[in-house]
Amino acid sequence: MLKSLSLVFVMLLLFGCEEQNQFSIEQLDEYRYSQDLVYLAQFSSDSEQLLVVDEKRLVSIWQLSTKKKVFTLPPSKTPEDLRAVYFKKIRKPLAT
């Protein structure tokens, strides 16, 4: 009885291995929002904009649909010990 159950189990395993799965990977467009190392990044709540802080402390906000920069804060205006940013799409100043 045990041998016949084992044989049925092995046959079921072999039947499951007949078809090989073929996976295809599609190449998507790629865009770099900074040529430097990214220190911090955050999407807006609606995922339409991206805030990037690079290793040189340059703060940039990008419109993702057009891939255009909509705001830049130079390193001279950002704190040297920048630890975190809070990005919310409003018409007020950015808090760092």
PDB file of N, CA and C in Angstrom:
ATOM      1  N   MET A   1       0.817  -1.197   0.000  1.00  0.00           N
ATOM      2  CA  MET A   1       0.000   0.000   0.000  1.00  0.00           C
ATOM      3  C   MET A   1       0.867   1.270   0.000  1.00  0.00           C
ATOM      4  N   LEU A   2       1.894   1.269   0.841  1.00  0.00           N
ATOM      5  CA  LEU A   2       2.783   2.428   0.934  1.00  0.00           C
ATOM      6  C   LEU A   2       3.574   2.611  -0.357  1.00  0.00           C
ATOM      7  N   LYS A   3       3.977   1.497  -0.982  1.00  0.00           N
ATOM      8  CA  LYS A   3       4.715   1.586  -2.236  1.00  0.00           C
ATOM      9  C   LYS A   3       3.841   2.161  -3.346  1.00  0.00           C
ATOM     10  N   SER A   4       2.588   1.754  -3.392  1.00  0.00           N
ATOM     11  CA  SER A   4       1.703   2.260  -4.446  1.00  0.00           C
ATOM     12  C   SER A   4       1.404   3.744  -4.236  1.00  0.00           C
ATOM     13  N   LEU A   5       1.248   4.172  -2.989  1.00  0.00           N
ATOM     14  CA  LEU A   5       1.035   5.593  -2.708  1.00  0.00           C
ATOM     15  C   LEU A   5       2.283   6.407  -3.083  1.00  0.00           C
ATOM     16  N   SER A   6       3.456   5.850  -2.779  1.00  0.00           N
ATOM     17  CA  SER A   6       4.693   6.532  -3.131  1.00  0.00           C
ATOM     18  C   SER A   6       4.827   6.645  -4.642  1.00  0.00           C
ATOM     19  N   LEU A   7       4.477   5.576  -5.358  1.00  0.00           N
ATOM     20  CA  LEU A   7       4.547   5.589  -6.813  1.00  0.00           C
ATOM     21  C   LEU A   7       3.598   6.628  -7.404  1.00  0.00           C
ATOM     22  N   VAL A   8       2.367   6.705  -6.861  1.00  0.00           N
ATOM     23  CA  VAL A   8       1.396   7.695  -7.337  1.00  0.00           C
ATOM     24  C   VAL A   8       1.909   9.105  -7.053  1.00  0.00           C
ATOM     25  N   PHE A   9       2.488   9.322  -5.893  1.00  0.00           N
ATOM     26  CA  PHE A   9       3.014  10.638  -5.530  1.00  0.00           C
ATOM     27  C   PHE A   9       4.145  11.054  -6.472  1.00  0.00           C
ATOM     28  N   VAL A  10       5.071  10.141  -6.758  1.00  0.00           N
ATOM     29  CA  VAL A  10       6.174  10.437  -7.666  1.00  0.00           C
ATOM     30  C   VAL A  10       5.651  10.733  -9.063  1.00  0.00           C
ATOM     31  N   MET A  11       4.660  10.005  -9.517  1.00  0.00           N
ATOM     32  CA  MET A  11       4.095  10.236 -10.848  1.00  0.00           C
ATOM     33  C   MET A  11       3.428  11.613 -10.919  1.00  0.00           C
ATOM     34  N   LEU A  12       2.725  11.992  -9.834  1.00  0.00           N
ATOM     35  CA  LEU A  12       2.108  13.324  -9.808  1.00  0.00           C
ATOM     36  C   LEU A  12       3.166  14.415  -9.864  1.00  0.00           C
ATOM     37  N   LEU A  13       4.274  14.208  -9.166  1.00  0.00           N
ATOM     38  CA  LEU A  13       5.354  15.189  -9.214  1.00  0.00           C
ATOM     39  C   LEU A  13       5.932  15.302 -10.622  1.00  0.00           C
ATOM     40  N   LEU A  14       6.094  14.179 -11.282  1.00  0.00           N
ATOM     41  CA  LEU A  14       6.649  14.195 -12.631  1.00  0.00           C
ATOM     42  C   LEU A  14       5.701  14.846 -13.625  1.00  0.00           C
ATOM     43  N   PHE A  15       4.418  14.631 -13.464  1.00  0.00           N
ATOM     44  CA  PHE A  15       3.454  15.271 -14.367  1.00  0.00           C
ATOM     45  C   PHE A  15       3.466  16.784 -14.184  1.00  0.00           C
ATOM     46  N   GLY A  16       3.724  17.243 -12.988  1.00  0.00           N
ATOM     47  CA  GLY A  16       3.791  18.675 -12.738  1.00  0.00           C
ATOM     48  C   GLY A  16       5.032  19.324 -13.322  1.00  0.00           C
ATOM     49  N   CYS A  17       6.031  18.545 -13.666  1.00  0.00           N
ATOM     50  CA  CYS A  17       7.291  19.085 -14.174  1.00  0.00           C
ATOM     51  C   CYS A  17       7.376  19.080 -15.694  1.00  0.00           C
ATOM     52  N   GLU A  18       6.323  18.683 -16.372  1.00  0.00           N
ATOM     53  CA  GLU A  18       6.373  18.588 -17.829  1.00  0.00           C
ATOM     54  C   GLU A  18       6.576  19.933 -18.500  1.00  0.00           C
ATOM     55  N   GLU A  19       5.852  20.937 -18.113  1.00  0.00           N
ATOM     56  CA  GLU A  19       5.871  22.231 -18.795  1.00  0.00           C
ATOM     57  C   GLU A  19       6.855  23.181 -18.124  1.00  0.00           C
ATOM     58  N   GLN A  20       7.753  23.743 -18.907  1.00  0.00           N
ATOM     59  CA  GLN A  20       8.698  24.704 -18.363  1.00  0.00           C
ATOM     60  C   GLN A  20       8.116  26.109 -18.488  1.00  0.00           C
ATOM     61  N   ASN A  21       8.277  26.881 -17.441  1.00  0.00           N
ATOM     62  CA  ASN A  21       7.806  28.265 -17.466  1.00  0.00           C
ATOM     63  C   ASN A  21       8.834  29.133 -18.180  1.00  0.00           C
ATOM     64  N   GLN A  22       8.368  29.940 -19.098  1.00  0.00           N
ATOM     65  CA  GLN A  22       9.229  30.876 -19.804  1.00  0.00           C
ATOM     66  C   GLN A  22       8.915  32.285 -19.307  1.00  0.00           C
ATOM     67  N   PHE A  23       9.904  32.940 -18.749  1.00  0.00           N
ATOM     68  CA  PHE A  23       9.733  34.297 -18.269  1.00  0.00           C
ATOM     69  C   PHE A  23      10.413  35.252 -19.237  1.00  0.00           C
ATOM     70  N   SER A  24       9.774  36.341 -19.492  1.00  0.00           N
ATOM     71  CA  SER A  24      10.389  37.346 -20.347  1.00  0.00           C
ATOM     72  C   SER A  24      10.476  38.657 -19.570  1.00  0.00           C
ATOM     73  N   ILE A  25      11.566  39.337 -19.768  1.00  0.00           N
ATOM     74  CA  ILE A  25      11.792  40.613 -19.101  1.00  0.00           C
ATOM     75  C   ILE A  25      11.769  41.696 -20.158  1.00  0.00           C
ATOM     76  N   GLU A  26      10.915  42.670 -19.951  1.00  0.00           N
ATOM     77  CA  GLU A  26      10.790  43.766 -20.907  1.00  0.00           C
ATOM     78  C   GLU A  26      11.646  44.936 -20.448  1.00  0.00           C
ATOM     79  N   GLN A  27      12.432  45.477 -21.346  1.00  0.00           N
ATOM     80  CA  GLN A  27      13.267  46.626 -21.021  1.00  0.00           C
ATOM     81  C   GLN A  27      12.394  47.875 -20.975  1.00  0.00           C
ATOM     82  N   LEU A  28      12.414  48.558 -19.852  1.00  0.00           N
ATOM     83  CA  LEU A  28      11.651  49.787 -19.689  1.00  0.00           C
ATOM     84  C   LEU A  28      12.576  50.983 -19.844  1.00  0.00           C
ATOM     85  N   ASP A  29      11.995  52.135 -20.100  1.00  0.00           N
ATOM     86  CA  ASP A  29      12.794  53.349 -20.183  1.00  0.00           C
ATOM     87  C   ASP A  29      13.372  53.670 -18.812  1.00  0.00           C
ATOM     88  N   GLU A  30      14.539  54.230 -18.819  1.00  0.00           N
ATOM     89  CA  GLU A  30      15.234  54.553 -17.584  1.00  0.00           C
ATOM     90  C   GLU A  30      15.598  56.025 -17.607  1.00  0.00           C
ATOM     91  N   TYR A  31      15.481  56.679 -16.462  1.00  0.00           N
ATOM     92  CA  TYR A  31      15.826  58.100 -16.380  1.00  0.00           C
ATOM     93  C   TYR A  31      16.524  58.343 -15.052  1.00  0.00           C
ATOM     94  N   ARG A  32      17.612  59.109 -15.098  1.00  0.00           N
ATOM     95  CA  ARG A  32      18.345  59.451 -13.880  1.00  0.00           C
ATOM     96  C   ARG A  32      17.967  60.858 -13.444  1.00  0.00           C
ATOM     97  N   TYR A  33      17.565  60.981 -12.203  1.00  0.00           N
ATOM     98  CA  TYR A  33      17.209  62.285 -11.665  1.00  0.00           C
ATOM     99  C   TYR A  33      18.388  62.962 -10.983  1.00  0.00           C
ATOM    100  N   SER A  34      19.497  62.265 -10.834  1.00  0.00           N
ATOM    101  CA  SER A  34      20.709  62.854 -10.269  1.00  0.00           C
ATOM    102  C   SER A  34      21.909  62.073 -10.786  1.00  0.00           C
ATOM    103  N   GLN A  35      22.956  62.793 -11.151  1.00  0.00           N
ATOM    104  CA  GLN A  35      24.185  62.134 -11.574  1.00  0.00           C
ATOM    105  C   GLN A  35      25.045  61.777 -10.366  1.00  0.00           C
ATOM    106  N   ASP A  36      24.752  62.377  -9.212  1.00  0.00           N
ATOM    107  CA  ASP A  36      25.486  62.101  -7.984  1.00  0.00           C
ATOM    108  C   ASP A  36      24.753  61.035  -7.176  1.00  0.00           C
ATOM    109  N   LEU A  37      25.388  60.586  -6.112  1.00  0.00           N
ATOM    110  CA  LEU A  37      24.745  59.620  -5.224  1.00  0.00           C
ATOM    111  C   LEU A  37      23.543  60.265  -4.550  1.00  0.00           C
ATOM    112  N   VAL A  38      22.471  59.536  -4.442  1.00  0.00           N
ATOM    113  CA  VAL A  38      21.257  60.051  -3.814  1.00  0.00           C
ATOM    114  C   VAL A  38      21.316  59.761  -2.316  1.00  0.00           C
ATOM    115  N   TYR A  39      21.195  60.811  -1.528  1.00  0.00           N
ATOM    116  CA  TYR A  39      21.233  60.699  -0.076  1.00  0.00           C
ATOM    117  C   TYR A  39      19.834  60.434   0.475  1.00  0.00           C
ATOM    118  N   LEU A  40      18.860  61.177  -0.005  1.00  0.00           N
ATOM    119  CA  LEU A  40      17.462  61.005   0.400  1.00  0.00           C
ATOM    120  C   LEU A  40      16.572  61.158  -0.823  1.00  0.00           C
ATOM    121  N   ALA A  41      15.443  60.477  -0.825  1.00  0.00           N
ATOM    122  CA  ALA A  41      14.457  60.634  -1.901  1.00  0.00           C
ATOM    123  C   ALA A  41      13.081  60.356  -1.328  1.00  0.00           C
ATOM    124  N   GLN A  42      12.095  61.096  -1.816  1.00  0.00           N
ATOM    125  CA  GLN A  42      10.725  60.904  -1.334  1.00  0.00           C
ATOM    126  C   GLN A  42       9.752  61.304  -2.425  1.00  0.00           C
ATOM    127  N   PHE A  43       8.727  60.466  -2.639  1.00  0.00           N
ATOM    128  CA  PHE A  43       7.655  60.772  -3.573  1.00  0.00           C
ATOM    129  C   PHE A  43       6.618  61.646  -2.897  1.00  0.00           C
ATOM    130  N   SER A  44       5.918  62.453  -3.689  1.00  0.00           N
ATOM    131  CA  SER A  44       4.783  63.197  -3.155  1.00  0.00           C
ATOM    132  C   SER A  44       3.658  62.211  -2.874  1.00  0.00           C
ATOM    133  N   SER A  45       2.660  62.651  -2.129  1.00  0.00           N
ATOM    134  CA  SER A  45       1.571  61.756  -1.746  1.00  0.00           C
ATOM    135  C   SER A  45       0.788  61.240  -2.952  1.00  0.00           C
ATOM    136  N   ASP A  46       0.736  62.003  -4.023  1.00  0.00           N
ATOM    137  CA  ASP A  46       0.033  61.563  -5.229  1.00  0.00           C
ATOM    138  C   ASP A  46       0.980  60.923  -6.251  1.00  0.00           C
ATOM    139  N   SER A  47       2.237  60.758  -5.902  1.00  0.00           N
ATOM    140  CA  SER A  47       3.274  60.138  -6.743  1.00  0.00           C
ATOM    141  C   SER A  47       3.489  60.868  -8.061  1.00  0.00           C
ATOM    142  N   GLU A  48       3.202  62.154  -8.100  1.00  0.00           N
ATOM    143  CA  GLU A  48       3.438  62.944  -9.311  1.00  0.00           C
ATOM    144  C   GLU A  48       4.783  63.652  -9.284  1.00  0.00           C
ATOM    145  N   GLN A  49       5.347  63.825  -8.100  1.00  0.00           N
ATOM    146  CA  GLN A  49       6.628  64.515  -7.978  1.00  0.00           C
ATOM    147  C   GLN A  49       7.578  63.693  -7.117  1.00  0.00           C
ATOM    148  N   LEU A  50       8.875  63.974  -7.306  1.00  0.00           N
ATOM    149  CA  LEU A  50       9.921  63.278  -6.571  1.00  0.00           C
ATOM    150  C   LEU A  50      10.897  64.294  -6.021  1.00  0.00           C
ATOM    151  N   LEU A  51      11.172  64.219  -4.729  1.00  0.00           N
ATOM    152  CA  LEU A  51      12.178  65.060  -4.096  1.00  0.00           C
ATOM    153  C   LEU A  51      13.453  64.236  -3.982  1.00  0.00           C
ATOM    154  N   VAL A  52      14.577  64.811  -4.415  1.00  0.00           N
ATOM    155  CA  VAL A  52      15.875  64.128  -4.365  1.00  0.00           C
ATOM    156  C   VAL A  52      16.869  65.037  -3.668  1.00  0.00           C
ATOM    157  N   VAL A  53      17.574  64.494  -2.689  1.00  0.00           N
ATOM    158  CA  VAL A  53      18.689  65.177  -2.044  1.00  0.00           C
ATOM    159  C   VAL A  53      19.925  64.355  -2.376  1.00  0.00           C
ATOM    160  N   ASP A  54      20.880  64.965  -3.075  1.00  0.00           N
ATOM    161  CA  ASP A  54      22.063  64.201  -3.472  1.00  0.00           C
ATOM    162  C   ASP A  54      23.197  64.399  -2.470  1.00  0.00           C
ATOM    163  N   GLU A  55      24.308  63.749  -2.741  1.00  0.00           N
ATOM    164  CA  GLU A  55      25.449  63.773  -1.820  1.00  0.00           C
ATOM    165  C   GLU A  55      26.047  65.159  -1.640  1.00  0.00           C
ATOM    166  N   LYS A  56      25.792  66.074  -2.568  1.00  0.00           N
ATOM    167  CA  LYS A  56      26.297  67.436  -2.463  1.00  0.00           C
ATOM    168  C   LYS A  56      25.298  68.365  -1.767  1.00  0.00           C
ATOM    169  N   ARG A  57      24.202  67.799  -1.235  1.00  0.00           N
ATOM    170  CA  ARG A  57      23.127  68.515  -0.540  1.00  0.00           C
ATOM    171  C   ARG A  57      22.285  69.368  -1.476  1.00  0.00           C
ATOM    172  N   LEU A  58      22.293  69.075  -2.759  1.00  0.00           N
ATOM    173  CA  LEU A  58      21.425  69.755  -3.710  1.00  0.00           C
ATOM    174  C   LEU A  58      20.031  69.125  -3.600  1.00  0.00           C
ATOM    175  N   VAL A  59      19.034  69.953  -3.314  1.00  0.00           N
ATOM    176  CA  VAL A  59      17.661  69.478  -3.190  1.00  0.00           C
ATOM    177  C   VAL A  59      16.928  69.821  -4.488  1.00  0.00           C
ATOM    178  N   SER A  60      16.338  68.809  -5.108  1.00  0.00           N
ATOM    179  CA  SER A  60      15.614  69.006  -6.363  1.00  0.00           C
ATOM    180  C   SER A  60      14.253  68.342  -6.263  1.00  0.00           C
ATOM    181  N   ILE A  61      13.259  68.999  -6.843  1.00  0.00           N
ATOM    182  CA  ILE A  61      11.931  68.401  -6.959  1.00  0.00           C
ATOM    183  C   ILE A  61      11.636  68.264  -8.442  1.00  0.00           C
ATOM    184  N   TRP A  62      11.264  67.054  -8.849  1.00  0.00           N
ATOM    185  CA  TRP A  62      11.036  66.717 -10.246  1.00  0.00           C
ATOM    186  C   TRP A  62       9.575  66.380 -10.478  1.00  0.00           C
ATOM    187  N   GLN A  63       9.047  66.848 -11.601  1.00  0.00           N
ATOM    188  CA  GLN A  63       7.726  66.431 -12.071  1.00  0.00           C
ATOM    189  C   GLN A  63       7.939  65.135 -12.845  1.00  0.00           C
ATOM    190  N   LEU A  64       7.389  64.035 -12.365  1.00  0.00           N
ATOM    191  CA  LEU A  64       7.693  62.732 -12.954  1.00  0.00           C
ATOM    192  C   LEU A  64       7.107  62.542 -14.344  1.00  0.00           C
ATOM    193  N   SER A  65       5.948  63.104 -14.613  1.00  0.00           N
ATOM    194  CA  SER A  65       5.326  62.901 -15.923  1.00  0.00           C
ATOM    195  C   SER A  65       6.116  63.570 -17.050  1.00  0.00           C
ATOM    196  N   THR A  66       6.722  64.714 -16.757  1.00  0.00           N
ATOM    197  CA  THR A  66       7.477  65.448 -17.781  1.00  0.00           C
ATOM    198  C   THR A  66       8.985  65.305 -17.630  1.00  0.00           C
ATOM    199  N   LYS A  67       9.429  64.746 -16.494  1.00  0.00           N
ATOM    200  CA  LYS A  67      10.860  64.612 -16.174  1.00  0.00           C
ATOM    201  C   LYS A  67      11.559  65.972 -16.167  1.00  0.00           C
ATOM    202  N   LYS A  68      10.852  66.977 -15.674  1.00  0.00           N
ATOM    203  CA  LYS A  68      11.418  68.325 -15.583  1.00  0.00           C
ATOM    204  C   LYS A  68      11.545  68.727 -14.123  1.00  0.00           C
ATOM    205  N   LYS A  69      12.600  69.481 -13.859  1.00  0.00           N
ATOM    206  CA  LYS A  69      12.843  69.978 -12.512  1.00  0.00           C
ATOM    207  C   LYS A  69      11.929  71.162 -12.254  1.00  0.00           C
ATOM    208  N   VAL A  70      11.181  71.122 -11.142  1.00  0.00           N
ATOM    209  CA  VAL A  70      10.262  72.211 -10.820  1.00  0.00           C
ATOM    210  C   VAL A  70      10.769  73.068  -9.657  1.00  0.00           C
ATOM    211  N   PHE A  71      11.770  72.579  -8.930  1.00  0.00           N
ATOM    212  CA  PHE A  71      12.300  73.335  -7.796  1.00  0.00           C
ATOM    213  C   PHE A  71      13.718  72.864  -7.505  1.00  0.00           C
ATOM    214  N   THR A  72      14.585  73.820  -7.159  1.00  0.00           N
ATOM    215  CA  THR A  72      15.959  73.491  -6.774  1.00  0.00           C
ATOM    216  C   THR A  72      16.351  74.347  -5.584  1.00  0.00           C
ATOM    217  N   LEU A  73      16.960  73.715  -4.618  1.00  0.00           N
ATOM    218  CA  LEU A  73      17.520  74.408  -3.464  1.00  0.00           C
ATOM    219  C   LEU A  73      19.017  74.109  -3.457  1.00  0.00           C
ATOM    220  N   PRO A  74      19.863  75.130  -3.656  1.00  0.00           N
ATOM    221  CA  PRO A  74      21.305  74.877  -3.760  1.00  0.00           C
ATOM    222  C   PRO A  74      21.899  74.416  -2.428  1.00  0.00           C
ATOM    223  N   PRO A  75      23.056  73.768  -2.480  1.00  0.00           N
ATOM    224  CA  PRO A  75      23.699  73.285  -1.255  1.00  0.00           C
ATOM    225  C   PRO A  75      24.000  74.391  -0.252  1.00  0.00           C
ATOM    226  N   SER A  76      24.242  75.608  -0.724  1.00  0.00           N
ATOM    227  CA  SER A  76      24.532  76.707   0.202  1.00  0.00           C
ATOM    228  C   SER A  76      23.321  77.066   1.060  1.00  0.00           C
ATOM    229  N   LYS A  77      22.126  76.690   0.631  1.00  0.00           N
ATOM    230  CA  LYS A  77      20.901  77.000   1.384  1.00  0.00           C
ATOM    231  C   LYS A  77      20.407  75.819   2.224  1.00  0.00           C
ATOM    232  N   THR A  78      21.032  74.669   2.103  1.00  0.00           N
ATOM    233  CA  THR A  78      20.606  73.495   2.880  1.00  0.00           C
ATOM    234  C   THR A  78      21.540  73.303   4.062  1.00  0.00           C
ATOM    235  N   PRO A  79      21.035  72.774   5.169  1.00  0.00           N
ATOM    236  CA  PRO A  79      21.886  72.542   6.338  1.00  0.00           C
ATOM    237  C   PRO A  79      22.968  71.505   6.039  1.00  0.00           C
ATOM    238  N   GLU A  80      24.142  71.685   6.642  1.00  0.00           N
ATOM    239  CA  GLU A  80      25.225  70.730   6.414  1.00  0.00           C
ATOM    240  C   GLU A  80      24.940  69.382   7.048  1.00  0.00           C
ATOM    241  N   ASP A  81      24.212  69.369   8.133  1.00  0.00           N
ATOM    242  CA  ASP A  81      23.901  68.112   8.814  1.00  0.00           C
ATOM    243  C   ASP A  81      22.462  67.668   8.513  1.00  0.00           C
ATOM    244  N   LEU A  82      22.082  67.741   7.267  1.00  0.00           N
ATOM    245  CA  LEU A  82      20.740  67.367   6.827  1.00  0.00           C
ATOM    246  C   LEU A  82      20.508  65.885   7.105  1.00  0.00           C
ATOM    247  N   ARG A  83      19.493  65.579   7.891  1.00  0.00           N
ATOM    248  CA  ARG A  83      19.205  64.193   8.262  1.00  0.00           C
ATOM    249  C   ARG A  83      17.909  63.676   7.643  1.00  0.00           C
ATOM    250  N   ALA A  84      16.944  64.562   7.456  1.00  0.00           N
ATOM    251  CA  ALA A  84      15.640  64.118   6.951  1.00  0.00           C
ATOM    252  C   ALA A  84      14.954  65.284   6.251  1.00  0.00           C
ATOM    253  N   VAL A  85      14.033  64.953   5.382  1.00  0.00           N
ATOM    254  CA  VAL A  85      13.194  65.949   4.727  1.00  0.00           C
ATOM    255  C   VAL A  85      11.752  65.487   4.822  1.00  0.00           C
ATOM    256  N   TYR A  86      10.866  66.442   4.818  1.00  0.00           N
ATOM    257  CA  TYR A  86       9.435  66.144   4.775  1.00  0.00           C
ATOM    258  C   TYR A  86       8.888  66.850   3.550  1.00  0.00           C
ATOM    259  N   PHE A  87       8.397  66.077   2.603  1.00  0.00           N
ATOM    260  CA  PHE A  87       7.940  66.622   1.333  1.00  0.00           C
ATOM    261  C   PHE A  87       6.436  66.447   1.218  1.00  0.00           C
ATOM    262  N   LYS A  88       5.748  67.580   1.112  1.00  0.00           N
ATOM    263  CA  LYS A  88       4.308  67.577   0.903  1.00  0.00           C
ATOM    264  C   LYS A  88       4.011  68.643  -0.134  1.00  0.00           C
ATOM    265  N   LYS A  89       3.207  68.294  -1.130  1.00  0.00           N
ATOM    266  CA  LYS A  89       2.907  69.231  -2.213  1.00  0.00           C
ATOM    267  C   LYS A  89       1.950  70.320  -1.723  1.00  0.00           C
ATOM    268  N   ILE A  90       2.510  71.446  -1.384  1.00  0.00           N
ATOM    269  CA  ILE A  90       1.744  72.632  -1.015  1.00  0.00           C
ATOM    270  C   ILE A  90       2.486  73.834  -1.581  1.00  0.00           C
ATOM    271  N   ARG A  91       1.901  74.967  -1.526  1.00  0.00           N
ATOM    272  CA  ARG A  91       2.568  76.162  -2.040  1.00  0.00           C
ATOM    273  C   ARG A  91       3.279  76.930  -0.939  1.00  0.00           C
ATOM    274  N   LYS A  92       3.833  76.205   0.003  1.00  0.00           N
ATOM    275  CA  LYS A  92       4.574  76.788   1.103  1.00  0.00           C
ATOM    276  C   LYS A  92       6.031  76.359   1.009  1.00  0.00           C
ATOM    277  N   PRO A  93       6.910  76.949   1.805  1.00  0.00           N
ATOM    278  CA  PRO A  93       8.327  76.554   1.763  1.00  0.00           C
ATOM    279  C   PRO A  93       8.530  75.077   2.172  1.00  0.00           C
ATOM    280  N   LEU A  94       9.610  74.521   1.711  1.00  0.00           N
ATOM    281  CA  LEU A  94       9.969  73.152   1.995  1.00  0.00           C
ATOM    282  C   LEU A  94      10.639  73.079   3.354  1.00  0.00           C
ATOM    283  N   ALA A  95      10.260  72.117   4.180  1.00  0.00           N
ATOM    284  CA  ALA A  95      10.883  71.943   5.499  1.00  0.00           C
ATOM    285  C   ALA A  95      11.944  70.867   5.398  1.00  0.00           C
ATOM    286  N   THR A  96      13.169  71.219   5.822  1.00  0.00           N
ATOM    287  CA  THR A  96      14.250  70.222   5.851  1.00  0.00           C
ATOM    288  C   THR A  96      14.769  70.082   7.257  1.00  0.00           C
TER     289      THR A  96
END
